[in-house]
Amino acid sequence: MVAATTYREALIRSNPPLSKPVYCASLKKTNRSGVSGLSRIDRREFSKGSRVHRLYWDVQWPIENCQSRHKKFSILKYGEDGAYRRALKARAAALKAISSQTFSPFASRGAGNNAAA
């Protein structure tokens, strides 16, 4: 047990936590938009008994306790380019707001990932 604890502490020291914006900006292998946290949504669904076409850019960013916020920008309302630009701007503003937070894979999920482990 002592060896495991020593190894874990050495691993944490050699891999300091990333800032949350740096972690959030890294592209995951499932990303298709080219921008982390930004997705183009094109779906058809039923609403109030009729079929509706939903077309928008969805932006998401992390908040405390492993939760996230979403904001949608309608392509029908703003146009493809306008909705995309608004989504990028919202994502940048959200990441700037969390710039002082850190992300550590070693931190407890219940701790909100704000403090280094």
C-alpha atoms as a PDB file:
ATOM      1  CA  MET A   1       0.000   0.000   0.000  1.00  0.00           C
ATOM      2  CA  VAL A   2       2.856   2.384   0.801  1.00  0.00           C
ATOM      3  CA  ALA A   3       4.458   1.677  -2.591  1.00  0.00           C
ATOM      4  CA  ALA A   4       1.168   2.361  -4.370  1.00  0.00           C
ATOM      5  CA  THR A   5       0.682   5.637  -2.502  1.00  0.00           C
ATOM      6  CA  THR A   6       4.249   6.719  -3.252  1.00  0.00           C
ATOM      7  CA  TYR A   7       3.783   5.862  -6.942  1.00  0.00           C
ATOM      8  CA  ARG A   8       0.498   7.779  -7.113  1.00  0.00           C
ATOM      9  CA  GLU A   9       2.015  10.868  -5.487  1.00  0.00           C
ATOM     10  CA  ALA A  10       4.985  10.771  -7.892  1.00  0.00           C
ATOM     11  CA  LEU A  11       2.608  10.428 -10.835  1.00  0.00           C
ATOM     12  CA  ILE A  12       0.560  13.430  -9.699  1.00  0.00           C
ATOM     13  CA  ARG A  13       3.703  15.539  -9.210  1.00  0.00           C
ATOM     14  CA  SER A  14       5.015  14.647 -12.678  1.00  0.00           C
ATOM     15  CA  ASN A  15       1.640  15.406 -14.337  1.00  0.00           C
ATOM     16  CA  PRO A  16       0.350  18.685 -12.923  1.00  0.00           C
ATOM     17  CA  PRO A  17      -3.303  19.516 -13.568  1.00  0.00           C
ATOM     18  CA  LEU A  18      -4.171  21.358 -16.776  1.00  0.00           C
ATOM     19  CA  SER A  19      -6.052  24.610 -16.751  1.00  0.00           C
ATOM     20  CA  LYS A  20      -9.682  23.907 -17.562  1.00  0.00           C
ATOM     21  CA  PRO A  21      -9.637  25.976 -20.790  1.00  0.00           C
ATOM     22  CA  VAL A  22      -6.605  24.012 -22.062  1.00  0.00           C
ATOM     23  CA  TYR A  23      -8.268  20.696 -21.262  1.00  0.00           C
ATOM     24  CA  CYS A  24     -11.588  21.806 -22.780  1.00  0.00           C
ATOM     25  CA  ALA A  25      -9.915  23.043 -25.970  1.00  0.00           C
ATOM     26  CA  SER A  26      -8.217  19.720 -26.690  1.00  0.00           C
ATOM     27  CA  LEU A  27      -9.951  17.896 -29.524  1.00  0.00           C
ATOM     28  CA  LYS A  28     -11.317  14.493 -28.637  1.00  0.00           C
ATOM     29  CA  LYS A  29     -11.229  11.703 -31.221  1.00  0.00           C
ATOM     30  CA  THR A  30     -15.026  11.835 -31.679  1.00  0.00           C
ATOM     31  CA  ASN A  31     -15.002  15.546 -32.630  1.00  0.00           C
ATOM     32  CA  ARG A  32     -16.388  16.296 -36.110  1.00  0.00           C
ATOM     33  CA  SER A  33     -16.759  20.094 -36.086  1.00  0.00           C
ATOM     34  CA  GLY A  34     -13.061  20.863 -35.643  1.00  0.00           C
ATOM     35  CA  VAL A  35     -13.782  22.934 -32.522  1.00  0.00           C
ATOM     36  CA  SER A  36     -13.989  21.339 -29.095  1.00  0.00           C
ATOM     37  CA  GLY A  37     -17.400  21.841 -27.458  1.00  0.00           C
ATOM     38  CA  LEU A  38     -19.146  22.860 -30.681  1.00  0.00           C
ATOM     39  CA  SER A  39     -21.628  20.627 -32.528  1.00  0.00           C
ATOM     40  CA  ARG A  40     -23.869  21.149 -35.545  1.00  0.00           C
ATOM     41  CA  ILE A  41     -27.268  19.611 -34.834  1.00  0.00           C
ATOM     42  CA  ASP A  42     -29.660  18.608 -37.613  1.00  0.00           C
ATOM     43  CA  ARG A  43     -32.616  16.646 -36.310  1.00  0.00           C
ATOM     44  CA  ARG A  44     -36.269  16.090 -36.977  1.00  0.00           C
ATOM     45  CA  GLU A  45     -38.593  15.548 -34.048  1.00  0.00           C
ATOM     46  CA  PHE A  46     -42.216  15.788 -33.031  1.00  0.00           C
ATOM     47  CA  SER A  47     -43.391  18.847 -31.142  1.00  0.00           C
ATOM     48  CA  LYS A  48     -47.025  19.520 -30.261  1.00  0.00           C
ATOM     49  CA  GLY A  49     -48.215  16.811 -32.647  1.00  0.00           C
ATOM     50  CA  SER A  50     -46.318  17.962 -35.730  1.00  0.00           C
ATOM     51  CA  ARG A  51     -42.929  17.152 -37.190  1.00  0.00           C
ATOM     52  CA  VAL A  52     -40.321  19.906 -36.671  1.00  0.00           C
ATOM     53  CA  HIS A  53     -36.885  20.331 -38.246  1.00  0.00           C
ATOM     54  CA  ARG A  54     -34.309  21.551 -35.702  1.00  0.00           C
ATOM     55  CA  LEU A  55     -31.122  22.970 -37.217  1.00  0.00           C
ATOM     56  CA  TYR A  56     -28.645  24.735 -34.936  1.00  0.00           C
ATOM     57  CA  TRP A  57     -25.102  24.999 -33.609  1.00  0.00           C
ATOM     58  CA  ASP A  58     -24.887  23.746 -30.026  1.00  0.00           C
ATOM     59  CA  VAL A  59     -22.083  24.959 -27.787  1.00  0.00           C
ATOM     60  CA  GLN A  60     -21.293  23.446 -24.421  1.00  0.00           C
ATOM     61  CA  TRP A  61     -18.842  24.210 -21.644  1.00  0.00           C
ATOM     62  CA  PRO A  62     -18.132  22.741 -18.222  1.00  0.00           C
ATOM     63  CA  ILE A  63     -19.376  24.166 -14.970  1.00  0.00           C
ATOM     64  CA  GLU A  64     -18.896  22.843 -11.447  1.00  0.00           C
ATOM     65  CA  ASN A  65     -19.430  19.270 -10.254  1.00  0.00           C
ATOM     66  CA  CYS A  66     -18.904  17.564 -13.639  1.00  0.00           C
ATOM     67  CA  GLN A  67     -21.912  19.294 -15.187  1.00  0.00           C
ATOM     68  CA  SER A  68     -22.096  21.372 -18.343  1.00  0.00           C
ATOM     69  CA  ARG A  69     -24.122  24.187 -19.851  1.00  0.00           C
ATOM     70  CA  HIS A  70     -25.459  24.288 -23.403  1.00  0.00           C
ATOM     71  CA  LYS A  71     -26.512  27.143 -25.614  1.00  0.00           C
ATOM     72  CA  LYS A  72     -28.149  26.768 -29.025  1.00  0.00           C
ATOM     73  CA  PHE A  73     -27.811  29.112 -32.008  1.00  0.00           C
ATOM     74  CA  SER A  74     -30.435  28.621 -34.715  1.00  0.00           C
ATOM     75  CA  ILE A  75     -29.160  28.290 -38.265  1.00  0.00           C
ATOM     76  CA  LEU A  76     -32.613  29.240 -39.562  1.00  0.00           C
ATOM     77  CA  LYS A  77     -32.551  32.467 -37.525  1.00  0.00           C
ATOM     78  CA  TYR A  78     -28.896  33.564 -37.891  1.00  0.00           C
ATOM     79  CA  GLY A  79     -27.786  31.703 -41.015  1.00  0.00           C
ATOM     80  CA  GLU A  80     -25.083  29.038 -41.055  1.00  0.00           C
ATOM     81  CA  ASP A  81     -22.164  31.444 -40.662  1.00  0.00           C
ATOM     82  CA  GLY A  82     -23.907  33.720 -38.152  1.00  0.00           C
ATOM     83  CA  ALA A  83     -24.950  30.850 -35.884  1.00  0.00           C
ATOM     84  CA  TYR A  84     -21.453  29.349 -36.059  1.00  0.00           C
ATOM     85  CA  ARG A  85     -19.770  32.671 -35.208  1.00  0.00           C
ATOM     86  CA  ARG A  86     -22.140  33.267 -32.285  1.00  0.00           C
ATOM     87  CA  ALA A  87     -21.467  29.760 -30.966  1.00  0.00           C
ATOM     88  CA  LEU A  88     -17.694  30.275 -31.205  1.00  0.00           C
ATOM     89  CA  LYS A  89     -17.975  33.594 -29.380  1.00  0.00           C
ATOM     90  CA  ALA A  90     -20.113  32.052 -26.609  1.00  0.00           C
ATOM     91  CA  ARG A  91     -17.647  29.172 -26.187  1.00  0.00           C
ATOM     92  CA  ALA A  92     -14.675  31.565 -25.950  1.00  0.00           C
ATOM     93  CA  ALA A  93     -16.465  33.713 -23.359  1.00  0.00           C
ATOM     94  CA  ALA A  94     -17.386  30.652 -21.289  1.00  0.00           C
ATOM     95  CA  LEU A  95     -13.820  29.312 -21.330  1.00  0.00           C
ATOM     96  CA  LYS A  96     -12.492  32.722 -20.338  1.00  0.00           C
ATOM     97  CA  ALA A  97     -14.862  32.714 -17.352  1.00  0.00           C
ATOM     98  CA  ILE A  98     -13.412  29.415 -16.089  1.00  0.00           C
ATOM     99  CA  SER A  99      -9.784  30.288 -16.836  1.00  0.00           C
ATOM    100  CA  SER A 100      -8.734  30.144 -13.177  1.00  0.00           C
ATOM    101  CA  GLN A 101     -10.029  26.586 -12.692  1.00  0.00           C
ATOM    102  CA  THR A 102      -7.927  23.465 -13.219  1.00  0.00           C
ATOM    103  CA  PHE A 103      -8.713  19.981 -14.430  1.00  0.00           C
ATOM    104  CA  SER A 104      -7.021  16.944 -12.958  1.00  0.00           C
ATOM    105  CA  PRO A 105      -7.947  13.364 -13.823  1.00  0.00           C
ATOM    106  CA  PHE A 106      -6.785  12.469 -10.317  1.00  0.00           C
ATOM    107  CA  ALA A 107      -9.283  14.781  -8.619  1.00  0.00           C
ATOM    108  CA  SER A 108     -12.388  13.286  -7.113  1.00  0.00           C
ATOM    109  CA  ARG A 109     -15.508  13.725  -9.251  1.00  0.00           C
ATOM    110  CA  GLY A 110     -17.370  14.969  -6.191  1.00  0.00           C
ATOM    111  CA  ALA A 111     -14.786  17.696  -5.588  1.00  0.00           C
ATOM    112  CA  GLY A 112     -15.767  19.578  -8.750  1.00  0.00           C
ATOM    113  CA  ASN A 113     -12.294  19.278 -10.321  1.00  0.00           C
ATOM    114  CA  ASN A 114     -11.372  22.760  -9.088  1.00  0.00           C
ATOM    115  CA  ALA A 115      -8.471  21.803  -6.879  1.00  0.00           C
ATOM    116  CA  ALA A 116      -5.430  19.719  -7.596  1.00  0.00           C
ATOM    117  CA  ALA A 117      -5.525  16.336  -5.900  1.00  0.00           C
END
